[in-house]
């Protein structure tokens, strides 16, 4: 099997317990988007998430008709509100009713939505959250400017949460930009493409999950050890999520997973199985079949027949099992980071979320 980099072993903590079900998108094993089995906790978070939606709607409003319609476009389209829910959940490690917790949840969702306006322009994505992407409605320039405006709204709101929150938000925003930049440009000549990809995932996706978890615990007054723990959890679970998604792009059955198999392959979006195959071919130990498969994946996959055949070959290759192993390892290491948290529904929910991601990749 191909050698793949793994996160460092964590020697503290317990493994995640089995969840009720594995998710099919940024996870939704329950109506709230996280496996929260404690009824009282679920009720509190649902109520606070309703408040977040109300504040978020006000935060994106504008007296200018064009700005108002364009900035509301993705917020009104819905979304799972996973990041604000994570903020609200980690807030339960302290005073979950502290006013800054809801404001922080609004900040992370504003940041996420703003990034989507930019991502869709760069990726030429036609749809987002079941609606036409903003650039398809108003054009690229308006979409970029609205994204900038929402980042400004997030910055203004986080300024009211104190300097520590401002620093965390600004560093997270920088990492998200760096992740997108490095994804766009690709690895330098001679750079390890797999390590480059993992860093992109960490910066572009995991950094905001980490910040979401940190902000909730921090503004609720949780102990520093617990703030650091949930921040580290967010970093690793974000990488685990994307690696699991890479597995699904190859191995899923669209009718049951909700993900159309081969979408990323067809668009030649770099994913871990292909990167591992490319690494294997470059090592000089690949078979002629390996080389032919890579050439097929690098070629024209617009034909359904060609794509289906390529998927079948990739499913049978060891690089898919290697990617599964990597996703499971990152998810388990994420759960192990939760050792400093007190036993209870918050820790249990986060552990089950990590386990759901591991199950999703298997």
Protein backbone atom coordinates (compact mmCIF):
# COMPACT_ATOMS: atom_id res chain seq x y z
CA UNK A 1 0.00 0.00 0.00
CA UNK A 2 1.08 3.58 -0.57
CA UNK A 3 2.67 5.32 2.39
CA UNK A 4 0.57 8.28 3.54
CA UNK A 5 1.27 10.97 6.15
CA UNK A 6 -0.75 10.68 9.33
CA UNK A 7 -1.37 13.14 12.14
CA UNK A 8 0.86 12.67 15.18
CA UNK A 9 -0.35 10.03 17.61
CA UNK A 10 -2.19 11.44 20.61
CA UNK A 11 -1.63 9.47 23.78
CA UNK A 12 -4.36 11.04 25.89
CA UNK A 13 -8.11 10.83 25.55
CA UNK A 14 -10.59 8.17 24.66
CA UNK A 15 -11.83 6.97 21.33
CA UNK A 16 -15.15 8.23 20.08
CA UNK A 17 -18.22 6.18 20.82
CA UNK A 18 -20.42 4.88 18.03
CA UNK A 19 -22.88 7.44 16.57
CA UNK A 20 -26.46 6.76 15.57
CA UNK A 21 -25.65 7.25 11.89
CA UNK A 22 -23.00 8.56 9.53
CA UNK A 23 -23.57 11.93 7.86
CA UNK A 24 -23.70 12.62 4.15
CA UNK A 25 -22.63 16.27 3.98
CA UNK A 26 -21.14 18.69 6.50
CA UNK A 27 -22.62 16.29 8.94
CA UNK A 28 -26.28 16.13 9.72
CA UNK A 29 -26.91 12.99 11.80
CA UNK A 30 -29.64 14.89 13.66
CA UNK A 31 -31.90 17.79 12.75
CA UNK A 32 -29.49 20.16 14.50
CA UNK A 33 -26.55 19.05 12.38
CA UNK A 34 -24.61 17.43 15.24
CA UNK A 35 -25.28 14.17 17.11
CA UNK A 36 -26.68 15.86 20.21
CA UNK A 37 -28.58 13.19 22.11
CA UNK A 38 -29.23 15.12 25.33
CA UNK A 39 -32.77 16.57 24.94
CA UNK A 40 -32.23 19.60 27.19
CA UNK A 41 -29.00 20.54 25.45
CA UNK A 42 -30.57 20.06 22.03
CA UNK A 43 -33.49 22.30 23.01
CA UNK A 44 -31.20 25.08 24.28
CA UNK A 45 -29.05 24.99 21.17
CA UNK A 46 -32.07 24.99 18.87
CA UNK A 47 -33.44 28.09 20.62
CA UNK A 48 -30.10 29.88 20.41
CA UNK A 49 -29.64 28.90 16.78
CA UNK A 50 -32.98 30.59 16.06
CA UNK A 51 -31.60 33.75 17.65
CA UNK A 52 -28.44 33.41 15.56
CA UNK A 53 -30.55 33.29 12.39
CA UNK A 54 -32.44 36.41 13.45
CA UNK A 55 -29.24 38.33 14.23
CA UNK A 56 -27.62 37.05 11.04
CA UNK A 57 -30.52 38.32 8.95
CA UNK A 58 -30.12 41.74 10.51
CA UNK A 59 -26.34 41.63 10.07
CA UNK A 60 -26.54 41.16 6.28
CA UNK A 61 -29.28 43.75 5.71
CA UNK A 62 -28.53 46.97 3.91
CA UNK A 63 -30.41 50.13 2.99
CA UNK A 64 -29.04 49.78 -0.53
CA UNK A 65 -31.37 47.60 -2.59
CA UNK A 66 -28.67 45.87 -4.63
CA UNK A 67 -26.40 45.23 -1.64
CA UNK A 68 -29.32 43.98 0.43
CA UNK A 69 -30.56 41.51 -2.16
CA UNK A 70 -27.11 40.18 -3.06
CA UNK A 71 -25.90 39.83 0.52
CA UNK A 72 -29.09 38.05 1.62
CA UNK A 73 -28.88 35.66 -1.32
CA UNK A 74 -26.93 32.85 0.34
CA UNK A 75 -28.19 33.49 3.86
CA UNK A 76 -31.79 33.17 2.70
CA UNK A 77 -30.88 30.02 0.74
CA UNK A 78 -30.35 28.27 4.05
CA UNK A 79 -27.41 26.04 4.86
CA UNK A 80 -26.73 23.81 7.82
CA UNK A 81 -25.34 26.55 10.10
CA UNK A 82 -22.83 23.95 11.25
CA UNK A 83 -20.13 26.40 12.31
CA UNK A 84 -22.39 28.58 14.48
CA UNK A 85 -23.83 25.44 16.03
CA UNK A 86 -20.30 24.32 16.92
CA UNK A 87 -19.75 27.71 18.56
CA UNK A 88 -22.95 27.38 20.55
CA UNK A 89 -22.07 23.83 21.58
CA UNK A 90 -18.58 24.64 22.86
CA UNK A 91 -20.11 27.62 24.65
CA UNK A 92 -21.80 25.05 26.88
CA UNK A 93 -18.37 24.38 28.42
CA UNK A 94 -18.87 27.68 30.23
CA UNK A 95 -21.81 30.08 30.36
CA UNK A 96 -23.60 29.20 27.14
CA UNK A 97 -26.03 32.06 27.69
CA UNK A 98 -23.27 34.69 27.69
CA UNK A 99 -24.23 37.29 25.06
CA UNK A 100 -20.89 37.06 23.26
CA UNK A 101 -21.50 33.43 22.34
CA UNK A 102 -24.40 34.19 20.01
CA UNK A 103 -22.50 37.12 18.49
CA UNK A 104 -19.51 34.84 17.88
CA UNK A 105 -21.77 32.31 16.18
CA UNK A 106 -22.99 35.08 13.85
CA UNK A 107 -19.40 36.11 13.11
CA UNK A 108 -18.32 32.63 12.02
CA UNK A 109 -21.35 32.19 9.77
CA UNK A 110 -20.81 35.63 8.21
CA UNK A 111 -17.21 34.64 7.55
CA UNK A 112 -18.24 31.32 6.02
CA UNK A 113 -20.89 32.87 3.79
CA UNK A 114 -18.52 35.63 2.66
CA UNK A 115 -15.94 33.03 1.66
CA UNK A 116 -18.54 31.17 -0.41
CA UNK A 117 -19.17 34.24 -2.59
CA UNK A 118 -15.46 34.33 -3.40
CA UNK A 119 -15.07 30.55 -3.79
CA UNK A 120 -17.93 30.31 -6.26
CA UNK A 121 -16.39 32.99 -8.47
CA UNK A 122 -13.00 31.27 -8.44
CA UNK A 123 -14.52 27.85 -9.08
CA UNK A 124 -17.14 29.06 -11.57
CA UNK A 125 -19.69 27.13 -9.51
CA UNK A 126 -23.20 27.47 -10.98
CA UNK A 127 -25.12 26.54 -7.83
CA UNK A 128 -24.80 27.03 -4.09
CA UNK A 129 -27.20 25.76 -1.40
CA UNK A 130 -29.72 24.78 -4.05
CA UNK A 131 -29.84 28.25 -5.60
CA UNK A 132 -27.93 29.91 -8.46
CA UNK A 133 -24.55 31.15 -7.23
CA UNK A 134 -24.43 34.92 -6.71
CA UNK A 135 -22.07 35.48 -9.62
CA UNK A 136 -24.56 33.76 -11.91
CA UNK A 137 -27.20 36.32 -10.89
CA UNK A 138 -25.23 39.57 -10.52
CA UNK A 139 -21.85 38.83 -12.14
CA UNK A 140 -18.38 38.26 -10.75
CA UNK A 141 -17.66 41.82 -9.66
CA UNK A 142 -20.81 42.14 -7.56
CA UNK A 143 -20.28 38.71 -5.98
CA UNK A 144 -16.70 39.56 -4.99
CA UNK A 145 -17.71 42.93 -3.58
CA UNK A 146 -20.57 41.42 -1.59
CA UNK A 147 -18.17 38.85 -0.17
CA UNK A 148 -15.85 41.70 0.84
CA UNK A 149 -18.76 43.54 2.43
CA UNK A 150 -19.75 40.52 4.49
CA UNK A 151 -16.17 40.06 5.67
CA UNK A 152 -16.31 43.70 6.77
CA UNK A 153 -19.57 43.06 8.64
CA UNK A 154 -17.96 40.09 10.39
CA UNK A 155 -14.94 42.19 11.34
CA UNK A 156 -17.13 44.96 12.72
CA UNK A 157 -19.12 42.55 14.85
CA UNK A 158 -16.10 40.65 16.16
CA UNK A 159 -14.53 43.95 17.25
CA UNK A 160 -17.23 44.13 19.93
CA UNK A 161 -16.06 40.79 21.36
CA UNK A 162 -12.65 41.98 22.46
CA UNK A 163 -9.06 41.99 21.18
CA UNK A 164 -8.49 38.25 21.63
CA UNK A 165 -11.47 37.48 19.41
CA UNK A 166 -10.30 40.04 16.85
CA UNK A 167 -6.84 38.46 16.67
CA UNK A 168 -8.30 34.97 16.28
CA UNK A 169 -10.68 36.13 13.55
CA UNK A 170 -7.97 37.98 11.60
CA UNK A 171 -5.56 35.05 11.76
CA UNK A 172 -8.31 32.68 10.64
CA UNK A 173 -9.22 34.94 7.72
CA UNK A 174 -5.56 35.06 6.70
CA UNK A 175 -5.30 31.27 6.82
CA UNK A 176 -8.45 30.87 4.72
CA UNK A 177 -6.98 33.20 2.09
CA UNK A 178 -3.65 31.37 2.15
CA UNK A 179 -5.42 28.03 1.78
CA UNK A 180 -7.33 29.28 -1.25
CA UNK A 181 -4.17 30.83 -2.71
CA UNK A 182 -2.15 27.63 -2.35
CA UNK A 183 -5.01 25.54 -3.71
CA UNK A 184 -5.21 27.83 -6.73
CA UNK A 185 -1.48 27.82 -7.45
CA UNK A 186 -0.78 24.19 -6.55
CA UNK A 187 2.44 22.84 -5.04
CA UNK A 188 5.82 24.25 -6.05
CA UNK A 189 8.18 22.13 -8.14
CA UNK A 190 9.64 19.47 -5.91
CA UNK A 191 7.13 20.08 -3.11
CA UNK A 192 5.32 17.09 -1.61
CA UNK A 193 1.87 17.36 -3.21
CA UNK A 194 0.20 15.30 -0.47
CA UNK A 195 1.62 17.46 2.32
CA UNK A 196 0.65 20.55 0.32
CA UNK A 197 -2.92 19.28 0.01
CA UNK A 198 -3.21 18.55 3.74
CA UNK A 199 -2.00 22.08 4.49
CA UNK A 200 -4.60 23.51 2.10
CA UNK A 201 -7.33 21.56 3.89
CA UNK A 202 -6.07 22.75 7.26
CA UNK A 203 -5.97 26.40 6.22
CA UNK A 204 -8.99 26.67 3.93
CA UNK A 205 -11.47 24.48 5.83
CA UNK A 206 -10.22 23.44 9.26
CA UNK A 207 -9.08 26.88 10.40
CA UNK A 208 -12.64 28.25 10.56
CA UNK A 209 -13.92 25.13 12.32
CA UNK A 210 -11.17 25.55 14.88
CA UNK A 211 -11.98 29.24 15.33
CA UNK A 212 -15.69 28.46 15.66
CA UNK A 213 -15.02 26.01 18.49
CA UNK A 214 -12.50 28.30 20.20
CA UNK A 215 -14.72 31.37 20.12
CA UNK A 216 -17.65 29.61 21.76
CA UNK A 217 -15.60 28.22 24.63
CA UNK A 218 -13.58 31.41 25.02
CA UNK A 219 -16.52 33.81 25.18
CA UNK A 220 -18.40 31.49 27.54
CA UNK A 221 -15.50 31.68 29.99
CA UNK A 222 -14.35 28.04 29.68
CA UNK A 223 -10.92 27.13 31.10
CA UNK A 224 -7.96 27.75 28.77
CA UNK A 225 -7.16 24.02 28.61
CA UNK A 226 -10.63 23.32 27.24
CA UNK A 227 -10.43 26.20 24.75
CA UNK A 228 -7.19 24.77 23.39
CA UNK A 229 -8.68 21.28 23.26
CA UNK A 230 -11.71 22.22 21.17
CA UNK A 231 -9.52 24.35 18.92
CA UNK A 232 -7.25 21.39 18.22
CA UNK A 233 -10.34 19.22 17.70
CA UNK A 234 -11.64 21.64 15.06
CA UNK A 235 -8.34 21.59 13.19
CA UNK A 236 -8.23 17.82 12.92
CA UNK A 237 -11.91 17.17 12.37
CA UNK A 238 -11.90 19.68 9.50
CA UNK A 239 -9.19 17.73 7.70
CA UNK A 240 -11.01 14.46 8.47
CA UNK A 241 -14.18 15.84 6.92
CA UNK A 242 -12.55 16.70 3.62
CA UNK A 243 -10.66 13.41 3.42
CA UNK A 244 -13.92 11.56 4.02
CA UNK A 245 -15.46 13.66 1.26
CA UNK A 246 -12.62 12.60 -1.05
CA UNK A 247 -13.49 8.97 -0.34
CA UNK A 248 -17.16 9.61 -1.06
CA UNK A 249 -16.35 11.24 -4.39
CA UNK A 250 -14.99 7.88 -5.50
CA UNK A 251 -16.84 5.27 -3.47
CA UNK A 252 -20.31 6.67 -2.82
CA UNK A 253 -23.57 5.50 -4.27
CA UNK A 254 -25.31 8.74 -5.14
CA UNK A 255 -28.79 7.51 -4.22
CA UNK A 256 -27.82 6.84 -0.58
CA UNK A 257 -24.99 9.27 0.12
CA UNK A 258 -26.42 12.45 -1.38
CA UNK A 259 -23.12 13.01 -3.23
CA UNK A 260 -22.79 12.38 -6.96
CA UNK A 261 -19.75 10.12 -7.38
CA UNK A 262 -16.93 11.38 -9.57
CA UNK A 263 -17.85 15.06 -9.41
CA UNK A 264 -14.37 16.15 -8.33
CA UNK A 265 -12.68 13.67 -10.65
CA UNK A 266 -14.58 15.01 -13.65
CA UNK A 267 -13.60 18.59 -12.79
CA UNK A 268 -9.99 17.52 -12.15
CA UNK A 269 -10.18 18.90 -8.61
CA UNK A 270 -7.20 17.52 -6.63
CA UNK A 271 -8.30 14.87 -4.13
CA UNK A 272 -6.28 12.56 -1.92
CA UNK A 273 -6.79 9.28 -3.87
CA UNK A 274 -5.54 10.87 -7.10
CA UNK A 275 -2.65 12.60 -5.34
CA UNK A 276 -1.60 9.29 -3.79
CA UNK A 277 -1.83 7.58 -7.16
CA UNK A 278 0.25 10.34 -8.74
CA UNK A 279 2.82 9.98 -5.94
CA UNK A 280 2.89 6.21 -6.49
CA UNK A 281 3.49 6.59 -10.23
CA UNK A 282 6.25 9.16 -9.62
CA UNK A 283 7.99 6.76 -7.24
CA UNK A 284 8.85 4.44 -10.11
CA UNK A 285 7.23 1.38 -8.57
CA UNK A 286 3.90 1.70 -10.38
CA UNK A 287 2.55 -0.89 -12.78
CA UNK A 288 1.53 -0.14 -16.33
CA UNK A 289 -2.09 -0.32 -15.14
CA UNK A 290 -1.36 2.34 -12.51
CA UNK A 291 0.13 4.61 -15.14
CA UNK A 292 -2.78 4.04 -17.50
CA UNK A 293 -5.30 4.81 -14.75
CA UNK A 294 -3.54 8.08 -13.93
CA UNK A 295 -3.49 9.04 -17.60
CA UNK A 296 -7.21 8.33 -17.79
CA UNK A 297 -7.91 10.47 -14.71
CA UNK A 298 -5.85 13.30 -16.18
CA UNK A 299 -7.71 13.04 -19.48
CA UNK A 300 -11.21 13.91 -20.67
CA UNK A 301 -13.80 12.55 -18.23
CA UNK A 302 -16.82 14.30 -19.72
CA UNK A 303 -18.20 10.98 -20.98
CA UNK A 304 -20.30 9.16 -18.37
CA UNK A 305 -18.98 5.84 -19.63
CA UNK A 306 -15.33 6.89 -19.28
CA UNK A 307 -15.96 8.38 -15.82
CA UNK A 308 -17.78 5.26 -14.60
CA UNK A 309 -14.97 3.00 -15.79
CA UNK A 310 -12.36 5.23 -14.12
CA UNK A 311 -14.32 5.20 -10.87
CA UNK A 312 -14.51 1.41 -10.89
CA UNK A 313 -10.75 1.13 -11.36
CA UNK A 314 -10.00 3.71 -8.67
CA UNK A 315 -12.35 1.98 -6.21
CA UNK A 316 -10.35 -1.21 -6.61
CA UNK A 317 -6.98 0.53 -6.12
CA UNK A 318 -5.11 0.61 -2.81
CA UNK A 319 -5.00 4.43 -2.82
CA UNK A 320 -8.67 4.54 -1.88
CA UNK A 321 -8.06 2.31 1.14
CA UNK A 322 -5.10 4.54 2.05
CA UNK A 323 -7.35 7.60 1.93
CA UNK A 324 -9.92 5.84 4.12
CA UNK A 325 -7.19 5.02 6.63
CA UNK A 326 -6.03 8.61 6.64
CA UNK A 327 -9.55 10.00 7.18
CA UNK A 328 -10.24 7.59 10.03
CA UNK A 329 -6.91 8.41 11.66
CA UNK A 330 -7.55 12.17 11.55
CA UNK A 331 -11.07 11.69 12.96
CA UNK A 332 -9.80 9.52 15.82
CA UNK A 333 -7.02 11.98 16.60
CA UNK A 334 -9.62 14.77 16.66
CA UNK A 335 -11.66 12.84 19.24
CA UNK A 336 -8.54 12.22 21.33
CA UNK A 337 -7.95 15.99 21.57
CA UNK A 338 -11.12 16.19 23.68
CA UNK A 339 -9.50 14.49 26.70
CA UNK A 340 -9.37 17.72 28.80
CA UNK A 341 -13.14 18.23 28.47
CA UNK A 342 -15.39 17.11 31.32
CA UNK A 343 -17.53 14.07 30.67
CA UNK A 344 -21.03 15.05 29.58
CA UNK A 345 -23.20 15.77 26.55
CA UNK A 346 -20.84 18.36 25.00
CA UNK A 347 -17.89 15.99 24.93
CA UNK A 348 -20.10 13.11 23.87
CA UNK A 349 -21.56 15.09 20.97
CA UNK A 350 -18.13 16.10 19.69
CA UNK A 351 -16.80 12.55 20.00
CA UNK A 352 -19.77 11.15 18.13
CA UNK A 353 -19.32 13.75 15.42
CA UNK A 354 -15.72 12.63 14.93
CA UNK A 355 -16.78 9.00 14.86
CA UNK A 356 -19.49 9.79 12.31
CA UNK A 357 -16.82 11.22 10.03
CA UNK A 358 -14.71 8.11 10.46
CA UNK A 359 -17.71 5.93 9.64
CA UNK A 360 -18.47 8.11 6.65
CA UNK A 361 -15.11 7.23 5.11
CA UNK A 362 -15.45 3.46 5.61
